[in-house]
């Protein structure tokens, strides 16, 4: 499959705080979703979720690019063939500021 177009809702980035590779989606949602750039099966993603850490289904299309769709366990197919990702959380001990104080850029 071709990589997502630049105008799709999902973009590859690094976390501003810890530098981990993440995917970010802003379009189509009233909030920004940031997930770890690690693909899981639906079962693996379900084990990693908590009430404050949701799982997302990555839907990729050559026509519309990539987009994240929230996984609702009551409605989502347990045998879904698409990759699943989990919301990003920085490792313990990561500084709260995005950049050290006093940096210019």
C-alpha atoms as a PDB file:
ATOM      1  CA  UNK A   1       0.000   0.000   0.000  1.00  0.00           C
ATOM      2  CA  UNK A   2       1.178   3.494  -0.754  1.00  0.00           C
ATOM      3  CA  UNK A   3       2.089   5.817   2.122  1.00  0.00           C
ATOM      4  CA  UNK A   4      -0.617   8.171   3.318  1.00  0.00           C
ATOM      5  CA  UNK A   5      -1.016  11.372   1.361  1.00  0.00           C
ATOM      6  CA  UNK A   6       0.126  14.559   3.032  1.00  0.00           C
ATOM      7  CA  UNK A   7      -3.444  15.864   3.225  1.00  0.00           C
ATOM      8  CA  UNK A   8      -4.726  12.826   5.116  1.00  0.00           C
ATOM      9  CA  UNK A   9      -5.712  13.141   8.748  1.00  0.00           C
ATOM     10  CA  UNK A  10      -2.734  11.168  10.126  1.00  0.00           C
ATOM     11  CA  UNK A  11       0.827  12.481  10.276  1.00  0.00           C
ATOM     12  CA  UNK A  12       4.045  10.798  11.450  1.00  0.00           C
ATOM     13  CA  UNK A  13       5.890  12.785  14.134  1.00  0.00           C
ATOM     14  CA  UNK A  14       8.022  12.529  17.235  1.00  0.00           C
ATOM     15  CA  UNK A  15       6.549  13.192  20.662  1.00  0.00           C
ATOM     16  CA  UNK A  16       7.384  16.739  21.759  1.00  0.00           C
ATOM     17  CA  UNK A  17       8.199  15.546  25.279  1.00  0.00           C
ATOM     18  CA  UNK A  18       9.952  12.175  24.986  1.00  0.00           C
ATOM     19  CA  UNK A  19      10.880  11.939  21.284  1.00  0.00           C
ATOM     20  CA  UNK A  20       9.103   8.602  20.683  1.00  0.00           C
ATOM     21  CA  UNK A  21       7.683   8.014  17.179  1.00  0.00           C
ATOM     22  CA  UNK A  22       3.946   8.741  17.173  1.00  0.00           C
ATOM     23  CA  UNK A  23       1.057   9.211  14.772  1.00  0.00           C
ATOM     24  CA  UNK A  24      -1.104  12.293  15.184  1.00  0.00           C
ATOM     25  CA  UNK A  25      -4.595  12.944  13.839  1.00  0.00           C
ATOM     26  CA  UNK A  26      -6.356  16.252  14.055  1.00  0.00           C
ATOM     27  CA  UNK A  27      -8.711  16.292  11.081  1.00  0.00           C
ATOM     28  CA  UNK A  28     -12.172  14.839  11.500  1.00  0.00           C
ATOM     29  CA  UNK A  29     -12.160  14.980  15.284  1.00  0.00           C
ATOM     30  CA  UNK A  30     -12.825  17.741  17.804  1.00  0.00           C
ATOM     31  CA  UNK A  31      -9.560  16.847  19.591  1.00  0.00           C
ATOM     32  CA  UNK A  32      -6.036  15.742  18.703  1.00  0.00           C
ATOM     33  CA  UNK A  33      -5.278  12.030  18.900  1.00  0.00           C
ATOM     34  CA  UNK A  34      -1.655  10.952  19.504  1.00  0.00           C
ATOM     35  CA  UNK A  35      -0.883   7.219  19.340  1.00  0.00           C
ATOM     36  CA  UNK A  36       2.309   5.176  19.564  1.00  0.00           C
ATOM     37  CA  UNK A  37       3.603   4.225  16.103  1.00  0.00           C
ATOM     38  CA  UNK A  38       3.531   0.521  17.000  1.00  0.00           C
ATOM     39  CA  UNK A  39       1.065  -1.774  15.222  1.00  0.00           C
ATOM     40  CA  UNK A  40      -0.821  -4.358  17.291  1.00  0.00           C
ATOM     41  CA  UNK A  41      -3.459  -7.005  16.718  1.00  0.00           C
ATOM     42  CA  UNK A  42      -6.893  -6.246  18.182  1.00  0.00           C
ATOM     43  CA  UNK A  43      -6.177  -8.618  21.086  1.00  0.00           C
ATOM     44  CA  UNK A  44      -2.816  -7.042  21.896  1.00  0.00           C
ATOM     45  CA  UNK A  45      -4.299  -3.537  21.768  1.00  0.00           C
ATOM     46  CA  UNK A  46      -7.145  -4.591  24.090  1.00  0.00           C
ATOM     47  CA  UNK A  47      -4.599  -5.747  26.680  1.00  0.00           C
ATOM     48  CA  UNK A  48      -2.822  -2.357  26.572  1.00  0.00           C
ATOM     49  CA  UNK A  49      -5.924  -0.197  26.939  1.00  0.00           C
ATOM     50  CA  UNK A  50      -7.122   1.398  30.159  1.00  0.00           C
ATOM     51  CA  UNK A  51     -10.032   3.775  30.834  1.00  0.00           C
ATOM     52  CA  UNK A  52      -7.663   6.670  30.012  1.00  0.00           C
ATOM     53  CA  UNK A  53      -5.698   4.975  27.209  1.00  0.00           C
ATOM     54  CA  UNK A  54      -7.843   4.057  24.213  1.00  0.00           C
ATOM     55  CA  UNK A  55      -7.181   1.799  21.230  1.00  0.00           C
ATOM     56  CA  UNK A  56      -7.525   3.067  17.665  1.00  0.00           C
ATOM     57  CA  UNK A  57      -7.953   1.210  14.357  1.00  0.00           C
ATOM     58  CA  UNK A  58      -5.681   2.482  11.561  1.00  0.00           C
ATOM     59  CA  UNK A  59      -7.615   2.593   8.311  1.00  0.00           C
ATOM     60  CA  UNK A  60      -5.454   3.190   5.258  1.00  0.00           C
ATOM     61  CA  UNK A  61      -6.739   3.830   1.753  1.00  0.00           C
ATOM     62  CA  UNK A  62      -4.985   4.841  -1.429  1.00  0.00           C
ATOM     63  CA  UNK A  63      -7.837   7.283  -2.074  1.00  0.00           C
ATOM     64  CA  UNK A  64      -8.195   8.983   1.309  1.00  0.00           C
ATOM     65  CA  UNK A  65      -4.877   8.284   3.035  1.00  0.00           C
ATOM     66  CA  UNK A  66      -4.804   7.107   6.654  1.00  0.00           C
ATOM     67  CA  UNK A  67      -7.216   7.837   9.482  1.00  0.00           C
ATOM     68  CA  UNK A  68      -7.692   6.651  13.031  1.00  0.00           C
ATOM     69  CA  UNK A  69     -11.040   5.283  14.173  1.00  0.00           C
ATOM     70  CA  UNK A  70     -11.742   4.698  17.857  1.00  0.00           C
ATOM     71  CA  UNK A  71     -12.215   1.040  18.797  1.00  0.00           C
ATOM     72  CA  UNK A  72     -15.529   0.507  20.590  1.00  0.00           C
ATOM     73  CA  UNK A  73     -15.346  -3.037  21.925  1.00  0.00           C
ATOM     74  CA  UNK A  74     -19.113  -3.518  21.668  1.00  0.00           C
ATOM     75  CA  UNK A  75     -19.156  -2.679  17.945  1.00  0.00           C
ATOM     76  CA  UNK A  76     -15.661  -3.280  16.572  1.00  0.00           C
ATOM     77  CA  UNK A  77     -14.950  -6.595  14.823  1.00  0.00           C
ATOM     78  CA  UNK A  78     -12.716  -8.728  17.063  1.00  0.00           C
ATOM     79  CA  UNK A  79     -11.182 -10.288  13.933  1.00  0.00           C
ATOM     80  CA  UNK A  80     -10.389  -6.903  12.341  1.00  0.00           C
ATOM     81  CA  UNK A  81      -7.435  -7.331   9.947  1.00  0.00           C
ATOM     82  CA  UNK A  82      -6.266  -3.713  10.246  1.00  0.00           C
ATOM     83  CA  UNK A  83      -3.452  -2.589  12.556  1.00  0.00           C
ATOM     84  CA  UNK A  84      -4.479  -1.252  15.948  1.00  0.00           C
ATOM     85  CA  UNK A  85      -2.607   1.438  17.875  1.00  0.00           C
ATOM     86  CA  UNK A  86      -2.804   2.641  21.465  1.00  0.00           C
ATOM     87  CA  UNK A  87      -2.767   6.225  22.742  1.00  0.00           C
ATOM     88  CA  UNK A  88       0.698   7.481  23.546  1.00  0.00           C
ATOM     89  CA  UNK A  89       1.912   7.980  27.088  1.00  0.00           C
ATOM     90  CA  UNK A  90       5.410   9.260  27.831  1.00  0.00           C
ATOM     91  CA  UNK A  91       7.646   7.069  30.012  1.00  0.00           C
ATOM     92  CA  UNK A  92       7.800   7.872  33.742  1.00  0.00           C
ATOM     93  CA  UNK A  93      10.336  10.573  34.522  1.00  0.00           C
ATOM     94  CA  UNK A  94       9.846  12.465  31.254  1.00  0.00           C
ATOM     95  CA  UNK A  95      10.086  16.249  31.893  1.00  0.00           C
ATOM     96  CA  UNK A  96       6.778  18.103  31.731  1.00  0.00           C
ATOM     97  CA  UNK A  97       8.032  20.815  29.384  1.00  0.00           C
ATOM     98  CA  UNK A  98       8.474  20.128  25.686  1.00  0.00           C
ATOM     99  CA  UNK A  99      11.928  21.750  25.621  1.00  0.00           C
ATOM    100  CA  UNK A 100      14.426  22.595  28.339  1.00  0.00           C
ATOM    101  CA  UNK A 101      13.961  26.067  29.791  1.00  0.00           C
ATOM    102  CA  UNK A 102      16.097  28.679  28.094  1.00  0.00           C
ATOM    103  CA  UNK A 103      16.329  27.035  24.651  1.00  0.00           C
ATOM    104  CA  UNK A 104      15.653  29.263  21.666  1.00  0.00           C
ATOM    105  CA  UNK A 105      14.301  26.591  19.296  1.00  0.00           C
END
